Amino acid sequence: MFNIERTGLNRLDIQLSGKLDTEEMKIALDELVNKSEKIENGKMLYEITDFHLPSLGAIAIEFSRLPSMLGLMKKFNRAAVLTDKRWLKKVSEFEGHFFPGLEIKAFPRDQKKEAEVWLR
């Protein structure tokens, strides 16, 4: 499951759980692009539960759209990731090094209030 909700002028809340297949990845990326329209200095709050690696087809879709995704990420300057998986916390924060101007910080899932404060 991949759910994206625009919760403010410059904020997206994203929920991710389970495994994404090819079709779900296409829909998720299209929705991310659509809901990011007109966002500047944006913030994202990711909640990741029951994470599974995407299918190979889904990964191929993501790589095929990498140039447009890199441009999209320039609209955001902060992303908070809520997860209880230690390795996802590390990978999320490391991923921030690939997007100049985007700071990513991971929090345990029970620290949503702290993550929201940090996003401000």
PDB file of N, CA and C in Angstrom:
ATOM      1  N   MET A   1       0.840  -1.171   0.000  1.00  0.00           N
ATOM      2  CA  MET A   1       0.000   0.000   0.000  1.00  0.00           C
ATOM      3  C   MET A   1       0.885   1.234   0.000  1.00  0.00           C
ATOM      4  N   PHE A   2       0.503   2.196  -0.793  1.00  0.00           N
ATOM      5  CA  PHE A   2       1.189   3.467  -0.888  1.00  0.00           C
ATOM      6  C   PHE A   2       0.105   4.523  -0.939  1.00  0.00           C
ATOM      7  N   ASN A   3       0.016   5.335   0.097  1.00  0.00           N
ATOM      8  CA  ASN A   3      -1.025   6.349   0.170  1.00  0.00           C
ATOM      9  C   ASN A   3      -0.366   7.709   0.355  1.00  0.00           C
ATOM     10  N   ILE A   4      -0.779   8.689  -0.445  1.00  0.00           N
ATOM     11  CA  ILE A   4      -0.229  10.037  -0.354  1.00  0.00           C
ATOM     12  C   ILE A   4      -1.373  11.008  -0.111  1.00  0.00           C
ATOM     13  N   GLU A   5      -1.186  11.856   0.902  1.00  0.00           N
ATOM     14  CA  GLU A   5      -2.200  12.856   1.227  1.00  0.00           C
ATOM     15  C   GLU A   5      -1.513  14.205   1.354  1.00  0.00           C
ATOM     16  N   ARG A   6      -2.063  15.189   0.690  1.00  0.00           N
ATOM     17  CA  ARG A   6      -1.551  16.557   0.838  1.00  0.00           C
ATOM     18  C   ARG A   6      -2.225  17.142   2.068  1.00  0.00           C
ATOM     19  N   THR A   7      -1.435  17.404   3.107  1.00  0.00           N
ATOM     20  CA  THR A   7      -2.003  17.822   4.388  1.00  0.00           C
ATOM     21  C   THR A   7      -1.783  19.293   4.674  1.00  0.00           C
ATOM     22  N   GLY A   8      -1.218  20.001   3.745  1.00  0.00           N
ATOM     23  CA  GLY A   8      -0.994  21.432   3.910  1.00  0.00           C
ATOM     24  C   GLY A   8      -0.520  22.008   2.597  1.00  0.00           C
ATOM     25  N   LEU A   9      -0.294  23.299   2.604  1.00  0.00           N
ATOM     26  CA  LEU A   9       0.141  23.986   1.392  1.00  0.00           C
ATOM     27  C   LEU A   9       1.418  23.374   0.825  1.00  0.00           C
ATOM     28  N   ASN A  10       2.345  23.014   1.710  1.00  0.00           N
ATOM     29  CA  ASN A  10       3.638  22.491   1.278  1.00  0.00           C
ATOM     30  C   ASN A  10       4.004  21.181   1.965  1.00  0.00           C
ATOM     31  N   ARG A  11       3.013  20.370   2.268  1.00  0.00           N
ATOM     32  CA  ARG A  11       3.321  19.121   2.975  1.00  0.00           C
ATOM     33  C   ARG A  11       2.568  17.935   2.397  1.00  0.00           C
ATOM     34  N   LEU A  12       3.306  16.833   2.296  1.00  0.00           N
ATOM     35  CA  LEU A  12       2.717  15.555   1.910  1.00  0.00           C
ATOM     36  C   LEU A  12       2.944  14.558   3.035  1.00  0.00           C
ATOM     37  N   ASP A  13       1.916  13.785   3.353  1.00  0.00           N
ATOM     38  CA  ASP A  13       2.041  12.665   4.280  1.00  0.00           C
ATOM     39  C   ASP A  13       1.917  11.392   3.451  1.00  0.00           C
ATOM     40  N   ILE A  14       2.880  10.514   3.601  1.00  0.00           N
ATOM     41  CA  ILE A  14       2.949   9.313   2.779  1.00  0.00           C
ATOM     42  C   ILE A  14       2.970   8.097   3.685  1.00  0.00           C
ATOM     43  N   GLN A  15       2.098   7.142   3.401  1.00  0.00           N
ATOM     44  CA  GLN A  15       2.062   5.889   4.147  1.00  0.00           C
ATOM     45  C   GLN A  15       2.469   4.770   3.201  1.00  0.00           C
ATOM     46  N   LEU A  16       3.399   3.955   3.665  1.00  0.00           N
ATOM     47  CA  LEU A  16       3.910   2.859   2.860  1.00  0.00           C
ATOM     48  C   LEU A  16       3.927   1.596   3.704  1.00  0.00           C
ATOM     49  N   SER A  17       3.325   0.539   3.160  1.00  0.00           N
ATOM     50  CA  SER A  17       3.374  -0.757   3.836  1.00  0.00           C
ATOM     51  C   SER A  17       3.237  -1.858   2.790  1.00  0.00           C
ATOM     52  N   GLY A  18       3.770  -2.995   3.126  1.00  0.00           N
ATOM     53  CA  GLY A  18       3.674  -4.133   2.220  1.00  0.00           C
ATOM     54  C   GLY A  18       4.641  -4.022   1.059  1.00  0.00           C
ATOM     55  N   LYS A  19       4.321  -4.714  -0.012  1.00  0.00           N
ATOM     56  CA  LYS A  19       5.186  -4.797  -1.184  1.00  0.00           C
ATOM     57  C   LYS A  19       4.502  -4.148  -2.376  1.00  0.00           C
ATOM     58  N   LEU A  20       5.213  -3.278  -3.087  1.00  0.00           N
ATOM     59  CA  LEU A  20       4.666  -2.644  -4.277  1.00  0.00           C
ATOM     60  C   LEU A  20       5.008  -3.469  -5.506  1.00  0.00           C
ATOM     61  N   ASP A  21       4.002  -3.671  -6.366  1.00  0.00           N
ATOM     62  CA  ASP A  21       4.266  -4.324  -7.642  1.00  0.00           C
ATOM     63  C   ASP A  21       4.382  -3.241  -8.724  1.00  0.00           C
ATOM     64  N   THR A  22       4.552  -3.638  -9.961  1.00  0.00           N
ATOM     65  CA  THR A  22       4.776  -2.701 -11.067  1.00  0.00           C
ATOM     66  C   THR A  22       3.646  -1.690 -11.196  1.00  0.00           C
ATOM     67  N   GLU A  23       2.424  -2.158 -11.227  1.00  0.00           N
ATOM     68  CA  GLU A  23       1.274  -1.257 -11.417  1.00  0.00           C
ATOM     69  C   GLU A  23       1.112  -0.302 -10.231  1.00  0.00           C
ATOM     70  N   GLU A  24       1.276  -0.813  -9.026  1.00  0.00           N
ATOM     71  CA  GLU A  24       1.164   0.043  -7.842  1.00  0.00           C
ATOM     72  C   GLU A  24       2.254   1.118  -7.838  1.00  0.00           C
ATOM     73  N   MET A  25       3.456   0.779  -8.298  1.00  0.00           N
ATOM     74  CA  MET A  25       4.543   1.758  -8.352  1.00  0.00           C
ATOM     75  C   MET A  25       4.212   2.860  -9.346  1.00  0.00           C
ATOM     76  N   LYS A  26       3.678   2.502 -10.516  1.00  0.00           N
ATOM     77  CA  LYS A  26       3.281   3.507 -11.502  1.00  0.00           C
ATOM     78  C   LYS A  26       2.265   4.473 -10.901  1.00  0.00           C
ATOM     79  N   ILE A  27       1.254   3.923 -10.269  1.00  0.00           N
ATOM     80  CA  ILE A  27       0.197   4.741  -9.667  1.00  0.00           C
ATOM     81  C   ILE A  27       0.774   5.625  -8.562  1.00  0.00           C
ATOM     82  N   ALA A  28       1.624   5.057  -7.720  1.00  0.00           N
ATOM     83  CA  ALA A  28       2.207   5.805  -6.603  1.00  0.00           C
ATOM     84  C   ALA A  28       3.060   6.971  -7.105  1.00  0.00           C
ATOM     85  N   LEU A  29       3.894   6.738  -8.105  1.00  0.00           N
ATOM     86  CA  LEU A  29       4.753   7.804  -8.617  1.00  0.00           C
ATOM     87  C   LEU A  29       3.941   8.883  -9.317  1.00  0.00           C
ATOM     88  N   ASP A  30       2.910   8.483 -10.069  1.00  0.00           N
ATOM     89  CA  ASP A  30       2.029   9.471 -10.701  1.00  0.00           C
ATOM     90  C   ASP A  30       1.332  10.328  -9.648  1.00  0.00           C
ATOM     91  N   GLU A  31       0.869   9.699  -8.594  1.00  0.00           N
ATOM     92  CA  GLU A  31       0.187  10.419  -7.519  1.00  0.00           C
ATOM     93  C   GLU A  31       1.159  11.358  -6.804  1.00  0.00           C
ATOM     94  N   LEU A  32       2.378  10.921  -6.606  1.00  0.00           N
ATOM     95  CA  LEU A  32       3.390  11.761  -5.969  1.00  0.00           C
ATOM     96  C   LEU A  32       3.645  13.017  -6.810  1.00  0.00           C
ATOM     97  N   VAL A  33       3.766  12.849  -8.102  1.00  0.00           N
ATOM     98  CA  VAL A  33       3.977  13.991  -9.001  1.00  0.00           C
ATOM     99  C   VAL A  33       2.770  14.927  -8.945  1.00  0.00           C
ATOM    100  N   ASN A  34       1.568  14.380  -9.058  1.00  0.00           N
ATOM    101  CA  ASN A  34       0.357  15.206  -9.057  1.00  0.00           C
ATOM    102  C   ASN A  34       0.173  15.973  -7.755  1.00  0.00           C
ATOM    103  N   LYS A  35       0.387  15.313  -6.640  1.00  0.00           N
ATOM    104  CA  LYS A  35       0.156  15.971  -5.348  1.00  0.00           C
ATOM    105  C   LYS A  35       1.297  16.910  -4.958  1.00  0.00           C
ATOM    106  N   SER A  36       2.401  16.870  -5.699  1.00  0.00           N
ATOM    107  CA  SER A  36       3.527  17.759  -5.422  1.00  0.00           C
ATOM    108  C   SER A  36       3.471  19.047  -6.241  1.00  0.00           C
ATOM    109  N   GLU A  37       2.472  19.159  -7.109  1.00  0.00           N
ATOM    110  CA  GLU A  37       2.361  20.361  -7.929  1.00  0.00           C
ATOM    111  C   GLU A  37       2.293  21.607  -7.055  1.00  0.00           C
ATOM    112  N   LYS A  38       3.009  22.612  -7.472  1.00  0.00           N
ATOM    113  CA  LYS A  38       3.021  23.929  -6.823  1.00  0.00           C
ATOM    114  C   LYS A  38       3.596  23.916  -5.403  1.00  0.00           C
ATOM    115  N   ILE A  39       4.263  22.861  -5.018  1.00  0.00           N
ATOM    116  CA  ILE A  39       4.915  22.832  -3.703  1.00  0.00           C
ATOM    117  C   ILE A  39       6.301  23.451  -3.839  1.00  0.00           C
ATOM    118  N   GLU A  40       6.647  24.304  -2.885  1.00  0.00           N
ATOM    119  CA  GLU A  40       7.985  24.879  -2.774  1.00  0.00           C
ATOM    120  C   GLU A  40       8.407  24.771  -1.317  1.00  0.00           C
ATOM    121  N   ASN A  41       9.677  24.478  -1.088  1.00  0.00           N
ATOM    122  CA  ASN A  41      10.183  24.297   0.276  1.00  0.00           C
ATOM    123  C   ASN A  41       9.301  23.317   1.048  1.00  0.00           C
ATOM    124  N   GLY A  42       8.989  22.231   0.402  1.00  0.00           N
ATOM    125  CA  GLY A  42       8.045  21.264   0.942  1.00  0.00           C
ATOM    126  C   GLY A  42       8.600  20.384   2.046  1.00  0.00           C
ATOM    127  N   LYS A  43       7.673  19.758   2.722  1.00  0.00           N
ATOM    128  CA  LYS A  43       7.956  18.821   3.804  1.00  0.00           C
ATOM    129  C   LYS A  43       7.219  17.515   3.504  1.00  0.00           C
ATOM    130  N   MET A  44       7.838  16.407   3.870  1.00  0.00           N
ATOM    131  CA  MET A  44       7.204  15.096   3.716  1.00  0.00           C
ATOM    132  C   MET A  44       7.295  14.338   5.033  1.00  0.00           C
ATOM    133  N   LEU A  45       6.227  13.658   5.362  1.00  0.00           N
ATOM    134  CA  LEU A  45       6.210  12.765   6.518  1.00  0.00           C
ATOM    135  C   LEU A  45       5.886  11.370   5.998  1.00  0.00           C
ATOM    136  N   TYR A  46       6.869  10.475   6.069  1.00  0.00           N
ATOM    137  CA  TYR A  46       6.705   9.082   5.644  1.00  0.00           C
ATOM    138  C   TYR A  46       6.428   8.223   6.867  1.00  0.00           C
ATOM    139  N   GLU A  47       5.386   7.407   6.783  1.00  0.00           N
ATOM    140  CA  GLU A  47       5.145   6.384   7.803  1.00  0.00           C
ATOM    141  C   GLU A  47       5.305   5.033   7.122  1.00  0.00           C
ATOM    142  N   ILE A  48       6.296   4.283   7.557  1.00  0.00           N
ATOM    143  CA  ILE A  48       6.592   3.001   6.926  1.00  0.00           C
ATOM    144  C   ILE A  48       6.313   1.884   7.921  1.00  0.00           C
ATOM    145  N   THR A  49       5.384   0.998   7.550  1.00  0.00           N
ATOM    146  CA  THR A  49       5.053  -0.157   8.376  1.00  0.00           C
ATOM    147  C   THR A  49       5.087  -1.402   7.499  1.00  0.00           C
ATOM    148  N   ASP A  50       5.451  -2.511   8.062  1.00  0.00           N
ATOM    149  CA  ASP A  50       5.433  -3.794   7.357  1.00  0.00           C
ATOM    150  C   ASP A  50       6.052  -3.684   5.968  1.00  0.00           C
ATOM    151  N   PHE A  51       7.252  -3.134   5.903  1.00  0.00           N
ATOM    152  CA  PHE A  51       7.920  -2.876   4.630  1.00  0.00           C
ATOM    153  C   PHE A  51       8.477  -4.146   4.013  1.00  0.00           C
ATOM    154  N   HIS A  52       8.278  -4.278   2.712  1.00  0.00           N
ATOM    155  CA  HIS A  52       8.875  -5.345   1.910  1.00  0.00           C
ATOM    156  C   HIS A  52       9.505  -4.692   0.695  1.00  0.00           C
ATOM    157  N   LEU A  53      10.602  -5.228   0.214  1.00  0.00           N
ATOM    158  CA  LEU A  53      11.215  -4.676  -0.981  1.00  0.00           C
ATOM    159  C   LEU A  53      10.234  -4.755  -2.143  1.00  0.00           C
ATOM    160  N   PRO A  54      10.213  -3.721  -3.003  1.00  0.00           N
ATOM    161  CA  PRO A  54       9.315  -3.749  -4.165  1.00  0.00           C
ATOM    162  C   PRO A  54       9.704  -4.868  -5.124  1.00  0.00           C
ATOM    163  N   SER A  55       8.773  -5.220  -5.997  1.00  0.00           N
ATOM    164  CA  SER A  55       9.065  -6.231  -7.017  1.00  0.00           C
ATOM    165  C   SER A  55      10.115  -5.678  -7.983  1.00  0.00           C
ATOM    166  N   LEU A  56      10.755  -6.559  -8.741  1.00  0.00           N
ATOM    167  CA  LEU A  56      11.754  -6.108  -9.719  1.00  0.00           C
ATOM    168  C   LEU A  56      11.141  -5.175 -10.754  1.00  0.00           C
ATOM    169  N   GLY A  57       9.917  -5.464 -11.156  1.00  0.00           N
ATOM    170  CA  GLY A  57       9.230  -4.590 -12.108  1.00  0.00           C
ATOM    171  C   GLY A  57       8.998  -3.208 -11.530  1.00  0.00           C
ATOM    172  N   ALA A  58       8.647  -3.146 -10.259  1.00  0.00           N
ATOM    173  CA  ALA A  58       8.414  -1.858  -9.598  1.00  0.00           C
ATOM    174  C   ALA A  58       9.725  -1.071  -9.507  1.00  0.00           C
ATOM    175  N   ILE A  59      10.819  -1.752  -9.220  1.00  0.00           N
ATOM    176  CA  ILE A  59      12.120  -1.089  -9.153  1.00  0.00           C
ATOM    177  C   ILE A  59      12.501  -0.555 -10.533  1.00  0.00           C
ATOM    178  N   ALA A  60      12.219  -1.317 -11.576  1.00  0.00           N
ATOM    179  CA  ALA A  60      12.508  -0.872 -12.946  1.00  0.00           C
ATOM    180  C   ALA A  60      11.721   0.397 -13.280  1.00  0.00           C
ATOM    181  N   ILE A  61      10.458   0.446 -12.863  1.00  0.00           N
ATOM    182  CA  ILE A  61       9.638   1.641 -13.090  1.00  0.00           C
ATOM    183  C   ILE A  61      10.250   2.833 -12.368  1.00  0.00           C
ATOM    184  N   GLU A  62      10.661   2.629 -11.125  1.00  0.00           N
ATOM    185  CA  GLU A  62      11.249   3.715 -10.344  1.00  0.00           C
ATOM    186  C   GLU A  62      12.529   4.226 -11.021  1.00  0.00           C
ATOM    187  N   PHE A  63      13.392   3.325 -11.473  1.00  0.00           N
ATOM    188  CA  PHE A  63      14.615   3.746 -12.150  1.00  0.00           C
ATOM    189  C   PHE A  63      14.322   4.443 -13.474  1.00  0.00           C
ATOM    190  N   SER A  64      13.302   4.009 -14.180  1.00  0.00           N
ATOM    191  CA  SER A  64      12.978   4.639 -15.457  1.00  0.00           C
ATOM    192  C   SER A  64      12.502   6.076 -15.269  1.00  0.00           C
ATOM    193  N   ARG A  65      11.995   6.382 -14.082  1.00  0.00           N
ATOM    194  CA  ARG A  65      11.511   7.738 -13.803  1.00  0.00           C
ATOM    195  C   ARG A  65      12.478   8.539 -12.927  1.00  0.00           C
ATOM    196  N   LEU A  66      13.673   8.020 -12.753  1.00  0.00           N
ATOM    197  CA  LEU A  66      14.640   8.658 -11.872  1.00  0.00           C
ATOM    198  C   LEU A  66      14.896  10.131 -12.217  1.00  0.00           C
ATOM    199  N   PRO A  67      15.103  10.502 -13.477  1.00  0.00           N
ATOM    200  CA  PRO A  67      15.349  11.928 -13.770  1.00  0.00           C
ATOM    201  C   PRO A  67      14.203  12.841 -13.310  1.00  0.00           C
ATOM    202  N   SER A  68      12.979  12.438 -13.547  1.00  0.00           N
ATOM    203  CA  SER A  68      11.859  13.277 -13.110  1.00  0.00           C
ATOM    204  C   SER A  68      11.716  13.260 -11.590  1.00  0.00           C
ATOM    205  N   MET A  69      12.054  12.143 -10.942  1.00  0.00           N
ATOM    206  CA  MET A  69      11.983  12.072  -9.477  1.00  0.00           C
ATOM    207  C   MET A  69      13.043  12.966  -8.828  1.00  0.00           C
ATOM    208  N   LEU A  70      14.220  13.050  -9.449  1.00  0.00           N
ATOM    209  CA  LEU A  70      15.251  13.937  -8.925  1.00  0.00           C
ATOM    210  C   LEU A  70      14.785  15.383  -8.983  1.00  0.00           C
ATOM    211  N   GLY A  71      14.141  15.760 -10.069  1.00  0.00           N
ATOM    212  CA  GLY A  71      13.582  17.112 -10.181  1.00  0.00           C
ATOM    213  C   GLY A  71      12.491  17.351  -9.160  1.00  0.00           C
ATOM    214  N   LEU A  72      11.668  16.369  -8.941  1.00  0.00           N
ATOM    215  CA  LEU A  72      10.582  16.480  -7.974  1.00  0.00           C
ATOM    216  C   LEU A  72      11.119  16.692  -6.562  1.00  0.00           C
ATOM    217  N   MET A  73      12.193  15.999  -6.217  1.00  0.00           N
ATOM    218  CA  MET A  73      12.740  16.101  -4.869  1.00  0.00           C
ATOM    219  C   MET A  73      13.284  17.498  -4.573  1.00  0.00           C
ATOM    220  N   LYS A  74      13.579  18.282  -5.592  1.00  0.00           N
ATOM    221  CA  LYS A  74      14.054  19.649  -5.387  1.00  0.00           C
ATOM    222  C   LYS A  74      12.959  20.542  -4.802  1.00  0.00           C
ATOM    223  N   LYS A  75      11.726  20.098  -4.863  1.00  0.00           N
ATOM    224  CA  LYS A  75      10.612  20.862  -4.301  1.00  0.00           C
ATOM    225  C   LYS A  75      10.546  20.744  -2.777  1.00  0.00           C
ATOM    226  N   PHE A  76      11.301  19.800  -2.227  1.00  0.00           N
ATOM    227  CA  PHE A  76      11.229  19.506  -0.796  1.00  0.00           C
ATOM    228  C   PHE A  76      12.563  19.792  -0.123  1.00  0.00           C
ATOM    229  N   ASN A  77      12.504  20.292   1.133  1.00  0.00           N
ATOM    230  CA  ASN A  77      13.743  20.520   1.858  1.00  0.00           C
ATOM    231  C   ASN A  77      13.855  19.673   3.124  1.00  0.00           C
ATOM    232  N   ARG A  78      12.748  19.050   3.540  1.00  0.00           N
ATOM    233  CA  ARG A  78      12.805  18.178   4.725  1.00  0.00           C
ATOM    234  C   ARG A  78      11.865  16.993   4.553  1.00  0.00           C
ATOM    235  N   ALA A  79      12.330  15.851   5.049  1.00  0.00           N
ATOM    236  CA  ALA A  79      11.501  14.654   5.081  1.00  0.00           C
ATOM    237  C   ALA A  79      11.762  13.920   6.391  1.00  0.00           C
ATOM    238  N   ALA A  80      10.698  13.612   7.092  1.00  0.00           N
ATOM    239  CA  ALA A  80      10.785  12.815   8.320  1.00  0.00           C
ATOM    240  C   ALA A  80      10.261  11.420   7.995  1.00  0.00           C
ATOM    241  N   VAL A  81      10.981  10.422   8.453  1.00  0.00           N
ATOM    242  CA  VAL A  81      10.611   9.035   8.202  1.00  0.00           C
ATOM    243  C   VAL A  81      10.308   8.367   9.539  1.00  0.00           C
ATOM    244  N   LEU A  82       9.100   7.843   9.656  1.00  0.00           N
ATOM    245  CA  LEU A  82       8.689   7.120  10.859  1.00  0.00           C
ATOM    246  C   LEU A  82       8.725   5.626  10.568  1.00  0.00           C
ATOM    247  N   THR A  83       9.590   4.912  11.273  1.00  0.00           N
ATOM    248  CA  THR A  83       9.694   3.467  11.095  1.00  0.00           C
ATOM    249  C   THR A  83      10.333   2.852  12.333  1.00  0.00           C
ATOM    250  N   ASP A  84       9.993   1.623  12.595  1.00  0.00           N
ATOM    251  CA  ASP A  84      10.611   0.907  13.703  1.00  0.00           C
ATOM    252  C   ASP A  84      11.738  -0.006  13.228  1.00  0.00           C
ATOM    253  N   LYS A  85      11.985  -0.031  11.937  1.00  0.00           N
ATOM    254  CA  LYS A  85      13.059  -0.850  11.375  1.00  0.00           C
ATOM    255  C   LYS A  85      14.363  -0.057  11.405  1.00  0.00           C
ATOM    256  N   ARG A  86      15.303  -0.537  12.145  1.00  0.00           N
ATOM    257  CA  ARG A  86      16.583   0.165  12.301  1.00  0.00           C
ATOM    258  C   ARG A  86      17.278   0.387  10.958  1.00  0.00           C
ATOM    259  N   TRP A  87      17.293  -0.636  10.106  1.00  0.00           N
ATOM    260  CA  TRP A  87      17.983  -0.514   8.830  1.00  0.00           C
ATOM    261  C   TRP A  87      17.307   0.508   7.925  1.00  0.00           C
ATOM    262  N   LEU A  88      15.976   0.639   8.009  1.00  0.00           N
ATOM    263  CA  LEU A  88      15.275   1.639   7.205  1.00  0.00           C
ATOM    264  C   LEU A  88      15.613   3.049   7.671  1.00  0.00           C
ATOM    265  N   LYS A  89      15.803   3.226   8.963  1.00  0.00           N
ATOM    266  CA  LYS A  89      16.210   4.533   9.487  1.00  0.00           C
ATOM    267  C   LYS A  89      17.553   4.931   8.882  1.00  0.00           C
ATOM    268  N   LYS A  90      18.491   4.014   8.907  1.00  0.00           N
ATOM    269  CA  LYS A  90      19.834   4.301   8.390  1.00  0.00           C
ATOM    270  C   LYS A  90      19.809   4.554   6.884  1.00  0.00           C
ATOM    271  N   VAL A  91      19.097   3.724   6.139  1.00  0.00           N
ATOM    272  CA  VAL A  91      19.014   3.878   4.693  1.00  0.00           C
ATOM    273  C   VAL A  91      18.327   5.195   4.339  1.00  0.00           C
ATOM    274  N   SER A  92      17.275   5.554   5.057  1.00  0.00           N
ATOM    275  CA  SER A  92      16.550   6.797   4.791  1.00  0.00           C
ATOM    276  C   SER A  92      17.449   8.010   4.964  1.00  0.00           C
ATOM    277  N   GLU A  93      18.157   8.051   6.080  1.00  0.00           N
ATOM    278  CA  GLU A  93      19.028   9.195   6.331  1.00  0.00           C
ATOM    279  C   GLU A  93      20.196   9.227   5.352  1.00  0.00           C
ATOM    280  N   PHE A  94      20.721   8.067   4.970  1.00  0.00           N
ATOM    281  CA  PHE A  94      21.793   8.004   3.980  1.00  0.00           C
ATOM    282  C   PHE A  94      21.300   8.507   2.622  1.00  0.00           C
ATOM    283  N   GLU A  95      20.078   8.168   2.287  1.00  0.00           N
ATOM    284  CA  GLU A  95      19.487   8.580   1.010  1.00  0.00           C
ATOM    285  C   GLU A  95      19.459  10.097   0.876  1.00  0.00           C
ATOM    286  N   GLY A  96      19.342  10.800   1.987  1.00  0.00           N
ATOM    287  CA  GLY A  96      19.332  12.253   1.962  1.00  0.00           C
ATOM    288  C   GLY A  96      20.592  12.849   1.354  1.00  0.00           C
ATOM    289  N   HIS A  97      21.704  12.124   1.392  1.00  0.00           N
ATOM    290  CA  HIS A  97      22.957  12.607   0.812  1.00  0.00           C
ATOM    291  C   HIS A  97      22.898  12.680  -0.707  1.00  0.00           C
ATOM    292  N   PHE A  98      21.957  11.984  -1.316  1.00  0.00           N
ATOM    293  CA  PHE A  98      21.842  11.967  -2.776  1.00  0.00           C
ATOM    294  C   PHE A  98      20.979  13.103  -3.315  1.00  0.00           C
ATOM    295  N   PHE A  99      20.314  13.819  -2.431  1.00  0.00           N
ATOM    296  CA  PHE A  99      19.417  14.901  -2.842  1.00  0.00           C
ATOM    297  C   PHE A  99      19.869  16.206  -2.193  1.00  0.00           C
ATOM    298  N   PRO A 100      20.689  16.990  -2.896  1.00  0.00           N
ATOM    299  CA  PRO A 100      21.143  18.257  -2.323  1.00  0.00           C
ATOM    300  C   PRO A 100      19.945  19.129  -1.933  1.00  0.00           C
ATOM    301  N   GLY A 101      20.017  19.697  -0.749  1.00  0.00           N
ATOM    302  CA  GLY A 101      18.941  20.562  -0.277  1.00  0.00           C
ATOM    303  C   GLY A 101      17.828  19.836   0.449  1.00  0.00           C
ATOM    304  N   LEU A 102      17.870  18.510   0.470  1.00  0.00           N
ATOM    305  CA  LEU A 102      16.845  17.727   1.160  1.00  0.00           C
ATOM    306  C   LEU A 102      17.468  17.055   2.379  1.00  0.00           C
ATOM    307  N   GLU A 103      16.953  17.390   3.542  1.00  0.00           N
ATOM    308  CA  GLU A 103      17.419  16.784   4.781  1.00  0.00           C
ATOM    309  C   GLU A 103      16.407  15.724   5.208  1.00  0.00           C
ATOM    310  N   ILE A 104      16.885  14.524   5.463  1.00  0.00           N
ATOM    311  CA  ILE A 104      16.026  13.423   5.874  1.00  0.00           C
ATOM    312  C   ILE A 104      16.435  12.978   7.267  1.00  0.00           C
ATOM    313  N   LYS A 105      15.452  12.868   8.142  1.00  0.00           N
ATOM    314  CA  LYS A 105      15.707  12.403   9.502  1.00  0.00           C
ATOM    315  C   LYS A 105      14.701  11.309   9.836  1.00  0.00           C
ATOM    316  N   ALA A 106      15.183  10.229  10.434  1.00  0.00           N
ATOM    317  CA  ALA A 106      14.327   9.096  10.788  1.00  0.00           C
ATOM    318  C   ALA A 106      13.988   9.136  12.278  1.00  0.00           C
ATOM    319  N   PHE A 107      12.769   8.708  12.576  1.00  0.00           N
ATOM    320  CA  PHE A 107      12.254   8.663  13.942  1.00  0.00           C
ATOM    321  C   PHE A 107      11.562   7.324  14.172  1.00  0.00           C
ATOM    322  N   PRO A 108      11.540   6.839  15.423  1.00  0.00           N
ATOM    323  CA  PRO A 108      10.708   5.668  15.734  1.00  0.00           C
ATOM    324  C   PRO A 108       9.235   6.027  15.493  1.00  0.00           C
ATOM    325  N   ARG A 109       8.429   5.052  15.157  1.00  0.00           N
ATOM    326  CA  ARG A 109       7.023   5.321  14.812  1.00  0.00           C
ATOM    327  C   ARG A 109       6.240   5.975  15.943  1.00  0.00           C
ATOM    328  N   ASP A 110       6.639   5.762  17.190  1.00  0.00           N
ATOM    329  CA  ASP A 110       5.901   6.363  18.299  1.00  0.00           C
ATOM    330  C   ASP A 110       6.329   7.816  18.572  1.00  0.00           C
ATOM    331  N   GLN A 111       7.177   8.381  17.715  1.00  0.00           N
ATOM    332  CA  GLN A 111       7.626   9.759  17.881  1.00  0.00           C
ATOM    333  C   GLN A 111       7.102  10.670  16.775  1.00  0.00           C
ATOM    334  N   LYS A 112       5.852  10.480  16.409  1.00  0.00           N
ATOM    335  CA  LYS A 112       5.265  11.281  15.333  1.00  0.00           C
ATOM    336  C   LYS A 112       5.243  12.766  15.688  1.00  0.00           C
ATOM    337  N   LYS A 113       4.903  13.100  16.926  1.00  0.00           N
ATOM    338  CA  LYS A 113       4.877  14.513  17.324  1.00  0.00           C
ATOM    339  C   LYS A 113       6.254  15.140  17.183  1.00  0.00           C
ATOM    340  N   GLU A 114       7.292  14.434  17.593  1.00  0.00           N
ATOM    341  CA  GLU A 114       8.655  14.939  17.476  1.00  0.00           C
ATOM    342  C   GLU A 114       9.035  15.135  16.011  1.00  0.00           C
ATOM    343  N   ALA A 115       8.628  14.216  15.168  1.00  0.00           N
ATOM    344  CA  ALA A 115       8.908  14.321  13.733  1.00  0.00           C
ATOM    345  C   ALA A 115       8.205  15.537  13.137  1.00  0.00           C
ATOM    346  N   GLU A 116       6.970  15.765  13.544  1.00  0.00           N
ATOM    347  CA  GLU A 116       6.224  16.914  13.028  1.00  0.00           C
ATOM    348  C   GLU A 116       6.852  18.231  13.482  1.00  0.00           C
ATOM    349  N   VAL A 117       7.318  18.276  14.720  1.00  0.00           N
ATOM    350  CA  VAL A 117       8.009  19.477  15.220  1.00  0.00           C
ATOM    351  C   VAL A 117       9.275  19.709  14.393  1.00  0.00           C
ATOM    352  N   TRP A 118      10.036  18.655  14.134  1.00  0.00           N
ATOM    353  CA  TRP A 118      11.260  18.776  13.355  1.00  0.00           C
ATOM    354  C   TRP A 118      10.963  19.263  11.932  1.00  0.00           C
ATOM    355  N   LEU A 119       9.866  18.825  11.360  1.00  0.00           N
ATOM    356  CA  LEU A 119       9.515  19.253  10.002  1.00  0.00           C
ATOM    357  C   LEU A 119       9.267  20.760   9.920  1.00  0.00           C
ATOM    358  N   ARG A 120       8.753  21.323  10.991  1.00  0.00           N
ATOM    359  CA  ARG A 120       8.477  22.770  10.983  1.00  0.00           C
ATOM    360  C   ARG A 120       9.768  23.532  11.001  1.00  0.00           C
TER     361      ARG A 120
END
